[in-house]
Amino acid sequence: MEDALRREIKEETGLDIFDIELVMFQEFIFDEAFWKKRHFIFFDYACKTKSSSVRLNEEGQSHQWVTIEDALRMPLEPYTKKALDEYLR
């Protein structure tokens, strides 16, 4: 799974990552937090990068580098917030 994470991050952002750590596993079925009724499984990881230059592919819309504390003040969907809370714990 870590190899897949490295590939996806590189493909979608151009970033090389390291020090990968599993934060948590989340699952939800037909949750109203998302616009489509689907069954999702999330494997949430924390990692590091030495690059600050992001090159988004066609899947990405925008990005912003912020601290975790600043991210928690943003309007996050509930599963991202839960993953950040778990990481801080």
PDB file of N, CA and C in Angstrom:
ATOM      1  N   MET A   1       0.821  -1.194   0.000  1.00  0.00           N
ATOM      2  CA  MET A   1       0.000   0.000   0.000  1.00  0.00           C
ATOM      3  C   MET A   1       0.863   1.256   0.000  1.00  0.00           C
ATOM      4  N   GLU A   2       2.011   1.196   0.667  1.00  0.00           N
ATOM      5  CA  GLU A   2       2.886   2.368   0.667  1.00  0.00           C
ATOM      6  C   GLU A   2       3.443   2.648  -0.729  1.00  0.00           C
ATOM      7  N   ASP A   3       3.739   1.600  -1.489  1.00  0.00           N
ATOM      8  CA  ASP A   3       4.203   1.797  -2.863  1.00  0.00           C
ATOM      9  C   ASP A   3       3.116   2.458  -3.704  1.00  0.00           C
ATOM     10  N   ALA A   4       1.875   2.018  -3.522  1.00  0.00           N
ATOM     11  CA  ALA A   4       0.751   2.626  -4.243  1.00  0.00           C
ATOM     12  C   ALA A   4       0.593   4.092  -3.840  1.00  0.00           C
ATOM     13  N   LEU A   5       0.751   4.393  -2.563  1.00  0.00           N
ATOM     14  CA  LEU A   5       0.666   5.773  -2.089  1.00  0.00           C
ATOM     15  C   LEU A   5       1.745   6.628  -2.739  1.00  0.00           C
ATOM     16  N   ARG A   6       2.983   6.139  -2.763  1.00  0.00           N
ATOM     17  CA  ARG A   6       4.083   6.882  -3.402  1.00  0.00           C
ATOM     18  C   ARG A   6       3.756   7.167  -4.868  1.00  0.00           C
ATOM     19  N   ARG A   7       3.277   6.140  -5.584  1.00  0.00           N
ATOM     20  CA  ARG A   7       2.953   6.298  -7.011  1.00  0.00           C
ATOM     21  C   ARG A   7       1.847   7.332  -7.217  1.00  0.00           C
ATOM     22  N   GLU A   8       0.783   7.233  -6.438  1.00  0.00           N
ATOM     23  CA  GLU A   8      -0.355   8.145  -6.595  1.00  0.00           C
ATOM     24  C   GLU A   8       0.032   9.590  -6.268  1.00  0.00           C
ATOM     25  N   ILE A   9       0.768   9.785  -5.196  1.00  0.00           N
ATOM     26  CA  ILE A   9       1.200  11.143  -4.834  1.00  0.00           C
ATOM     27  C   ILE A   9       2.086  11.713  -5.931  1.00  0.00           C
ATOM     28  N   LYS A  10       3.014  10.920  -6.436  1.00  0.00           N
ATOM     29  CA  LYS A  10       3.903  11.376  -7.512  1.00  0.00           C
ATOM     30  C   LYS A  10       3.095  11.711  -8.763  1.00  0.00           C
ATOM     31  N   GLU A  11       2.153  10.833  -9.127  1.00  0.00           N
ATOM     32  CA  GLU A  11       1.348  11.033 -10.331  1.00  0.00           C
ATOM     33  C   GLU A  11       0.460  12.267 -10.227  1.00  0.00           C
ATOM     34  N   GLU A  12      -0.163  12.470  -9.071  1.00  0.00           N
ATOM     35  CA  GLU A  12      -1.145  13.542  -8.939  1.00  0.00           C
ATOM     36  C   GLU A  12      -0.567  14.887  -8.510  1.00  0.00           C
ATOM     37  N   THR A  13       0.632  14.883  -7.890  1.00  0.00           N
ATOM     38  CA  THR A  13       1.195  16.147  -7.394  1.00  0.00           C
ATOM     39  C   THR A  13       2.635  16.398  -7.832  1.00  0.00           C
ATOM     40  N   GLY A  14       3.322  15.367  -8.302  1.00  0.00           N
ATOM     41  CA  GLY A  14       4.735  15.507  -8.647  1.00  0.00           C
ATOM     42  C   GLY A  14       5.655  15.421  -7.443  1.00  0.00           C
ATOM     43  N   LEU A  15       5.111  15.186  -6.238  1.00  0.00           N
ATOM     44  CA  LEU A  15       5.919  15.153  -5.018  1.00  0.00           C
ATOM     45  C   LEU A  15       6.473  13.757  -4.748  1.00  0.00           C
ATOM     46  N   ASP A  16       7.703  13.703  -4.268  1.00  0.00           N
ATOM     47  CA  ASP A  16       8.280  12.479  -3.724  1.00  0.00           C
ATOM     48  C   ASP A  16       8.070  12.514  -2.222  1.00  0.00           C
ATOM     49  N   ILE A  17       7.599  11.402  -1.648  1.00  0.00           N
ATOM     50  CA  ILE A  17       7.306  11.359  -0.214  1.00  0.00           C
ATOM     51  C   ILE A  17       8.154  10.311   0.484  1.00  0.00           C
ATOM     52  N   PHE A  18       8.304  10.469   1.798  1.00  0.00           N
ATOM     53  CA  PHE A  18       9.065   9.528   2.617  1.00  0.00           C
ATOM     54  C   PHE A  18       8.534   9.572   4.043  1.00  0.00           C
ATOM     55  N   ASP A  19       9.084   8.750   4.926  1.00  0.00           N
ATOM     56  CA  ASP A  19       8.624   8.650   6.327  1.00  0.00           C
ATOM     57  C   ASP A  19       7.105   8.459   6.386  1.00  0.00           C
ATOM     58  N   ILE A  20       6.637   7.463   5.666  1.00  0.00           N
ATOM     59  CA  ILE A  20       5.204   7.183   5.574  1.00  0.00           C
ATOM     60  C   ILE A  20       4.735   6.456   6.830  1.00  0.00           C
ATOM     61  N   GLU A  21       3.620   6.928   7.388  1.00  0.00           N
ATOM     62  CA  GLU A  21       3.059   6.330   8.606  1.00  0.00           C
ATOM     63  C   GLU A  21       1.538   6.212   8.467  1.00  0.00           C
ATOM     64  N   LEU A  22       1.001   5.011   8.683  1.00  0.00           N
ATOM     65  CA  LEU A  22      -0.441   4.824   8.665  1.00  0.00           C
ATOM     66  C   LEU A  22      -1.040   5.528   9.872  1.00  0.00           C
ATOM     67  N   VAL A  23      -2.005   6.390   9.647  1.00  0.00           N
ATOM     68  CA  VAL A  23      -2.673   7.114  10.723  1.00  0.00           C
ATOM     69  C   VAL A  23      -3.917   6.360  11.170  1.00  0.00           C
ATOM     70  N   MET A  24      -4.747   5.977  10.197  1.00  0.00           N
ATOM     71  CA  MET A  24      -5.973   5.276  10.539  1.00  0.00           C
ATOM     72  C   MET A  24      -6.643   4.715   9.290  1.00  0.00           C
ATOM     73  N   PHE A  25      -7.623   3.874   9.527  1.00  0.00           N
ATOM     74  CA  PHE A  25      -8.482   3.300   8.498  1.00  0.00           C
ATOM     75  C   PHE A  25      -9.895   3.810   8.759  1.00  0.00           C
ATOM     76  N   GLN A  26     -10.591   4.251   7.705  1.00  0.00           N
ATOM     77  CA  GLN A  26     -11.968   4.709   7.846  1.00  0.00           C
ATOM     78  C   GLN A  26     -12.820   4.093   6.742  1.00  0.00           C
ATOM     79  N   GLU A  27     -14.061   3.818   7.072  1.00  0.00           N
ATOM     80  CA  GLU A  27     -14.998   3.281   6.096  1.00  0.00           C
ATOM     81  C   GLU A  27     -16.353   3.936   6.313  1.00  0.00           C
ATOM     82  N   PHE A  28     -17.031   4.228   5.219  1.00  0.00           N
ATOM     83  CA  PHE A  28     -18.405   4.666   5.335  1.00  0.00           C
ATOM     84  C   PHE A  28     -19.178   4.207   4.110  1.00  0.00           C
ATOM     85  N   ILE A  29     -20.454   3.988   4.325  1.00  0.00           N
ATOM     86  CA  ILE A  29     -21.338   3.493   3.277  1.00  0.00           C
ATOM     87  C   ILE A  29     -22.468   4.498   3.093  1.00  0.00           C
ATOM     88  N   PHE A  30     -22.557   5.067   1.917  1.00  0.00           N
ATOM     89  CA  PHE A  30     -23.633   5.994   1.557  1.00  0.00           C
ATOM     90  C   PHE A  30     -23.762   7.156   2.549  1.00  0.00           C
ATOM     91  N   ASP A  31     -22.646   7.734   2.940  1.00  0.00           N
ATOM     92  CA  ASP A  31     -22.665   8.846   3.886  1.00  0.00           C
ATOM     93  C   ASP A  31     -23.116  10.120   3.175  1.00  0.00           C
ATOM     94  N   GLU A  32     -23.943  10.904   3.831  1.00  0.00           N
ATOM     95  CA  GLU A  32     -24.448  12.140   3.248  1.00  0.00           C
ATOM     96  C   GLU A  32     -23.396  13.248   3.174  1.00  0.00           C
ATOM     97  N   ALA A  33     -22.206  13.029   3.740  1.00  0.00           N
ATOM     98  CA  ALA A  33     -21.133  14.015   3.669  1.00  0.00           C
ATOM     99  C   ALA A  33     -20.599  14.151   2.246  1.00  0.00           C
ATOM    100  N   PHE A  34     -20.894  13.183   1.382  1.00  0.00           N
ATOM    101  CA  PHE A  34     -20.422  13.214   0.004  1.00  0.00           C
ATOM    102  C   PHE A  34     -21.598  13.274  -0.954  1.00  0.00           C
ATOM    103  N   TRP A  35     -21.365  13.830  -2.104  1.00  0.00           N
ATOM    104  CA  TRP A  35     -22.435  14.092  -3.062  1.00  0.00           C
ATOM    105  C   TRP A  35     -22.940  12.861  -3.778  1.00  0.00           C
ATOM    106  N   LYS A  36     -22.187  11.771  -3.769  1.00  0.00           N
ATOM    107  CA  LYS A  36     -22.635  10.530  -4.401  1.00  0.00           C
ATOM    108  C   LYS A  36     -22.814   9.451  -3.347  1.00  0.00           C
ATOM    109  N   LYS A  37     -23.810   8.633  -3.537  1.00  0.00           N
ATOM    110  CA  LYS A  37     -24.034   7.499  -2.635  1.00  0.00           C
ATOM    111  C   LYS A  37     -23.065   6.389  -3.019  1.00  0.00           C
ATOM    112  N   ARG A  38     -22.021   6.236  -2.238  1.00  0.00           N
ATOM    113  CA  ARG A  38     -20.998   5.238  -2.514  1.00  0.00           C
ATOM    114  C   ARG A  38     -20.465   4.653  -1.220  1.00  0.00           C
ATOM    115  N   HIS A  39     -19.806   3.532  -1.359  1.00  0.00           N
ATOM    116  CA  HIS A  39     -19.114   2.879  -0.249  1.00  0.00           C
ATOM    117  C   HIS A  39     -17.640   3.252  -0.374  1.00  0.00           C
ATOM    118  N   PHE A  40     -17.115   3.970   0.611  1.00  0.00           N
ATOM    119  CA  PHE A  40     -15.728   4.418   0.590  1.00  0.00           C
ATOM    120  C   PHE A  40     -14.918   3.712   1.668  1.00  0.00           C
ATOM    121  N   ILE A  41     -13.669   3.428   1.351  1.00  0.00           N
ATOM    122  CA  ILE A  41     -12.689   2.934   2.317  1.00  0.00           C
ATOM    123  C   ILE A  41     -11.475   3.845   2.205  1.00  0.00           C
ATOM    124  N   PHE A  42     -11.086   4.446   3.319  1.00  0.00           N
ATOM    125  CA  PHE A  42      -9.932   5.345   3.358  1.00  0.00           C
ATOM    126  C   PHE A  42      -8.822   4.717   4.182  1.00  0.00           C
ATOM    127  N   PHE A  43      -7.621   4.760   3.654  1.00  0.00           N
ATOM    128  CA  PHE A  43      -6.418   4.448   4.405  1.00  0.00           C
ATOM    129  C   PHE A  43      -5.683   5.776   4.511  1.00  0.00           C
ATOM    130  N   ASP A  44      -5.696   6.382   5.696  1.00  0.00           N
ATOM    131  CA  ASP A  44      -5.132   7.712   5.896  1.00  0.00           C
ATOM    132  C   ASP A  44      -3.685   7.598   6.369  1.00  0.00           C
ATOM    133  N   TYR A  45      -2.803   8.260   5.642  1.00  0.00           N
ATOM    134  CA  TYR A  45      -1.374   8.230   5.937  1.00  0.00           C
ATOM    135  C   TYR A  45      -0.854   9.628   6.210  1.00  0.00           C
ATOM    136  N   ALA A  46       0.213   9.704   6.974  1.00  0.00           N
ATOM    137  CA  ALA A  46       1.006  10.923   7.134  1.00  0.00           C
ATOM    138  C   ALA A  46       2.357  10.642   6.489  1.00  0.00           C
ATOM    139  N   CYS A  47       2.940  11.652   5.875  1.00  0.00           N
ATOM    140  CA  CYS A  47       4.253  11.476   5.252  1.00  0.00           C
ATOM    141  C   CYS A  47       4.935  12.832   5.159  1.00  0.00           C
ATOM    142  N   LYS A  48       6.154  12.813   4.689  1.00  0.00           N
ATOM    143  CA  LYS A  48       6.935  14.040   4.526  1.00  0.00           C
ATOM    144  C   LYS A  48       7.380  14.160   3.075  1.00  0.00           C
ATOM    145  N   THR A  49       7.723  15.385   2.695  1.00  0.00           N
ATOM    146  CA  THR A  49       8.318  15.657   1.393  1.00  0.00           C
ATOM    147  C   THR A  49       9.344  16.763   1.574  1.00  0.00           C
ATOM    148  N   LYS A  50      10.334  16.809   0.710  1.00  0.00           N
ATOM    149  CA  LYS A  50      11.318  17.883   0.755  1.00  0.00           C
ATOM    150  C   LYS A  50      10.997  18.968  -0.263  1.00  0.00           C
ATOM    151  N   SER A  51      10.011  18.717  -1.098  1.00  0.00           N
ATOM    152  CA  SER A  51       9.662  19.652  -2.154  1.00  0.00           C
ATOM    153  C   SER A  51       8.508  20.548  -1.719  1.00  0.00           C
ATOM    154  N   SER A  52       8.514  21.778  -2.209  1.00  0.00           N
ATOM    155  CA  SER A  52       7.393  22.674  -1.964  1.00  0.00           C
ATOM    156  C   SER A  52       6.671  22.996  -3.273  1.00  0.00           C
ATOM    157  N   SER A  53       7.188  22.479  -4.362  1.00  0.00           N
ATOM    158  CA  SER A  53       6.623  22.747  -5.682  1.00  0.00           C
ATOM    159  C   SER A  53       5.677  21.615  -6.071  1.00  0.00           C
ATOM    160  N   VAL A  54       4.395  21.933  -6.178  1.00  0.00           N
ATOM    161  CA  VAL A  54       3.373  20.947  -6.514  1.00  0.00           C
ATOM    162  C   VAL A  54       2.955  21.141  -7.967  1.00  0.00           C
ATOM    163  N   ARG A  55       2.879  20.028  -8.696  1.00  0.00           N
ATOM    164  CA  ARG A  55       2.393  20.045 -10.081  1.00  0.00           C
ATOM    165  C   ARG A  55       1.155  19.147 -10.140  1.00  0.00           C
ATOM    166  N   LEU A  56      -0.023  19.733 -10.038  1.00  0.00           N
ATOM    167  CA  LEU A  56      -1.258  18.958 -10.031  1.00  0.00           C
ATOM    168  C   LEU A  56      -1.580  18.438 -11.430  1.00  0.00           C
ATOM    169  N   ASN A  57      -2.029  17.190 -11.489  1.00  0.00           N
ATOM    170  CA  ASN A  57      -2.492  16.655 -12.772  1.00  0.00           C
ATOM    171  C   ASN A  57      -3.953  17.029 -12.958  1.00  0.00           C
ATOM    172  N   GLU A  58      -4.617  16.438 -13.939  1.00  0.00           N
ATOM    173  CA  GLU A  58      -6.002  16.809 -14.242  1.00  0.00           C
ATOM    174  C   GLU A  58      -6.985  16.454 -13.130  1.00  0.00           C
ATOM    175  N   GLU A  59      -6.582  15.591 -12.188  1.00  0.00           N
ATOM    176  CA  GLU A  59      -7.472  15.244 -11.073  1.00  0.00           C
ATOM    177  C   GLU A  59      -7.476  16.318  -9.989  1.00  0.00           C
ATOM    178  N   GLY A  60      -6.411  17.068  -9.890  1.00  0.00           N
ATOM    179  CA  GLY A  60      -6.297  18.077  -8.845  1.00  0.00           C
ATOM    180  C   GLY A  60      -6.926  19.398  -9.253  1.00  0.00           C
ATOM    181  N   GLN A  61      -7.410  20.134  -8.282  1.00  0.00           N
ATOM    182  CA  GLN A  61      -8.020  21.431  -8.557  1.00  0.00           C
ATOM    183  C   GLN A  61      -7.159  22.571  -8.031  1.00  0.00           C
ATOM    184  N   SER A  62      -6.669  22.439  -6.820  1.00  0.00           N
ATOM    185  CA  SER A  62      -5.813  23.464  -6.235  1.00  0.00           C
ATOM    186  C   SER A  62      -5.149  22.874  -4.991  1.00  0.00           C
ATOM    187  N   HIS A  63      -4.179  23.592  -4.462  1.00  0.00           N
ATOM    188  CA  HIS A  63      -3.537  23.149  -3.226  1.00  0.00           C
ATOM    189  C   HIS A  63      -3.116  24.372  -2.424  1.00  0.00           C
ATOM    190  N   GLN A  64      -2.835  24.118  -1.171  1.00  0.00           N
ATOM    191  CA  GLN A  64      -2.373  25.170  -0.272  1.00  0.00           C
ATOM    192  C   GLN A  64      -1.586  24.499   0.843  1.00  0.00           C
ATOM    193  N   TRP A  65      -0.384  24.971   1.134  1.00  0.00           N
ATOM    194  CA  TRP A  65       0.403  24.441   2.247  1.00  0.00           C
ATOM    195  C   TRP A  65      -0.027  25.173   3.510  1.00  0.00           C
ATOM    196  N   VAL A  66      -0.471  24.428   4.519  1.00  0.00           N
ATOM    197  CA  VAL A  66      -0.876  25.015   5.799  1.00  0.00           C
ATOM    198  C   VAL A  66      -0.415  24.093   6.921  1.00  0.00           C
ATOM    199  N   THR A  67      -0.373  24.619   8.127  1.00  0.00           N
ATOM    200  CA  THR A  67      -0.093  23.778   9.290  1.00  0.00           C
ATOM    201  C   THR A  67      -1.342  22.934   9.576  1.00  0.00           C
ATOM    202  N   ILE A  68      -1.174  21.895  10.359  1.00  0.00           N
ATOM    203  CA  ILE A  68      -2.327  21.071  10.727  1.00  0.00           C
ATOM    204  C   ILE A  68      -3.340  21.904  11.514  1.00  0.00           C
ATOM    205  N   GLU A  69      -2.835  22.746  12.395  1.00  0.00           N
ATOM    206  CA  GLU A  69      -3.726  23.580  13.191  1.00  0.00           C
ATOM    207  C   GLU A  69      -4.547  24.519  12.295  1.00  0.00           C
ATOM    208  N   ASP A  70      -3.905  25.107  11.269  1.00  0.00           N
ATOM    209  CA  ASP A  70      -4.631  25.959  10.329  1.00  0.00           C
ATOM    210  C   ASP A  70      -5.629  25.137   9.516  1.00  0.00           C
ATOM    211  N   ALA A  71      -5.247  23.935   9.138  1.00  0.00           N
ATOM    212  CA  ALA A  71      -6.155  23.063   8.373  1.00  0.00           C
ATOM    213  C   ALA A  71      -7.413  22.765   9.179  1.00  0.00           C
ATOM    214  N   LEU A  72      -7.256  22.555  10.476  1.00  0.00           N
ATOM    215  CA  LEU A  72      -8.416  22.238  11.313  1.00  0.00           C
ATOM    216  C   LEU A  72      -9.385  23.409  11.450  1.00  0.00           C
ATOM    217  N   ARG A  73      -8.951  24.617  11.108  1.00  0.00           N
ATOM    218  CA  ARG A  73      -9.838  25.782  11.121  1.00  0.00           C
ATOM    219  C   ARG A  73     -10.535  25.984   9.767  1.00  0.00           C
ATOM    220  N   MET A  74     -10.216  25.141   8.803  1.00  0.00           N
ATOM    221  CA  MET A  74     -10.806  25.233   7.464  1.00  0.00           C
ATOM    222  C   MET A  74     -12.089  24.388   7.414  1.00  0.00           C
ATOM    223  N   PRO A  75     -12.942  24.633   6.424  1.00  0.00           N
ATOM    224  CA  PRO A  75     -14.180  23.844   6.294  1.00  0.00           C
ATOM    225  C   PRO A  75     -13.903  22.464   5.679  1.00  0.00           C
ATOM    226  N   LEU A  76     -13.398  21.561   6.477  1.00  0.00           N
ATOM    227  CA  LEU A  76     -13.040  20.224   6.018  1.00  0.00           C
ATOM    228  C   LEU A  76     -14.245  19.294   6.055  1.00  0.00           C
ATOM    229  N   GLU A  77     -14.248  18.317   5.165  1.00  0.00           N
ATOM    230  CA  GLU A  77     -15.276  17.288   5.281  1.00  0.00           C
ATOM    231  C   GLU A  77     -14.934  16.452   6.512  1.00  0.00           C
ATOM    232  N   PRO A  78     -15.903  15.764   7.113  1.00  0.00           N
ATOM    233  CA  PRO A  78     -15.705  15.133   8.417  1.00  0.00           C
ATOM    234  C   PRO A  78     -14.623  14.057   8.466  1.00  0.00           C
ATOM    235  N   TYR A  79     -14.367  13.363   7.369  1.00  0.00           N
ATOM    236  CA  TYR A  79     -13.380  12.281   7.406  1.00  0.00           C
ATOM    237  C   TYR A  79     -11.951  12.810   7.383  1.00  0.00           C
ATOM    238  N   THR A  80     -11.726  13.924   6.695  1.00  0.00           N
ATOM    239  CA  THR A  80     -10.401  14.549   6.733  1.00  0.00           C
ATOM    240  C   THR A  80     -10.140  15.106   8.125  1.00  0.00           C
ATOM    241  N   LYS A  81     -11.138  15.752   8.718  1.00  0.00           N
ATOM    242  CA  LYS A  81     -10.972  16.283  10.073  1.00  0.00           C
ATOM    243  C   LYS A  81     -10.671  15.171  11.063  1.00  0.00           C
ATOM    244  N   LYS A  82     -11.378  14.056  10.952  1.00  0.00           N
ATOM    245  CA  LYS A  82     -11.147  12.926  11.852  1.00  0.00           C
ATOM    246  C   LYS A  82      -9.719  12.391  11.702  1.00  0.00           C
ATOM    247  N   ALA A  83      -9.222  12.309  10.474  1.00  0.00           N
ATOM    248  CA  ALA A  83      -7.854  11.825  10.245  1.00  0.00           C
ATOM    249  C   ALA A  83      -6.828  12.786  10.843  1.00  0.00           C
ATOM    250  N   LEU A  84      -7.043  14.092  10.711  1.00  0.00           N
ATOM    251  CA  LEU A  84      -6.124  15.059  11.297  1.00  0.00           C
ATOM    252  C   LEU A  84      -6.155  15.013  12.822  1.00  0.00           C
ATOM    253  N   ASP A  85      -7.343  14.890  13.388  1.00  0.00           N
ATOM    254  CA  ASP A  85      -7.458  14.756  14.850  1.00  0.00           C
ATOM    255  C   ASP A  85      -6.713  13.520  15.344  1.00  0.00           C
ATOM    256  N   GLU A  86      -6.862  12.417  14.633  1.00  0.00           N
ATOM    257  CA  GLU A  86      -6.169  11.171  15.007  1.00  0.00           C
ATOM    258  C   GLU A  86      -4.655  11.330  14.895  1.00  0.00           C
ATOM    259  N   TYR A  87      -4.201  11.985  13.850  1.00  0.00           N
ATOM    260  CA  TYR A  87      -2.764  12.234  13.677  1.00  0.00           C
ATOM    261  C   TYR A  87      -2.205  13.054  14.849  1.00  0.00           C
ATOM    262  N   LEU A  88      -2.931  14.063  15.263  1.00  0.00           N
ATOM    263  CA  LEU A  88      -2.468  14.899  16.375  1.00  0.00           C
ATOM    264  C   LEU A  88      -2.461  14.155  17.695  1.00  0.00           C
ATOM    265  N   ARG A  89      -3.382  13.197  17.837  1.00  0.00           N
ATOM    266  CA  ARG A  89      -3.429  12.409  19.075  1.00  0.00           C
ATOM    267  C   ARG A  89      -2.220  11.500  19.143  1.00  0.00           C
TER     268      ARG A  89
END
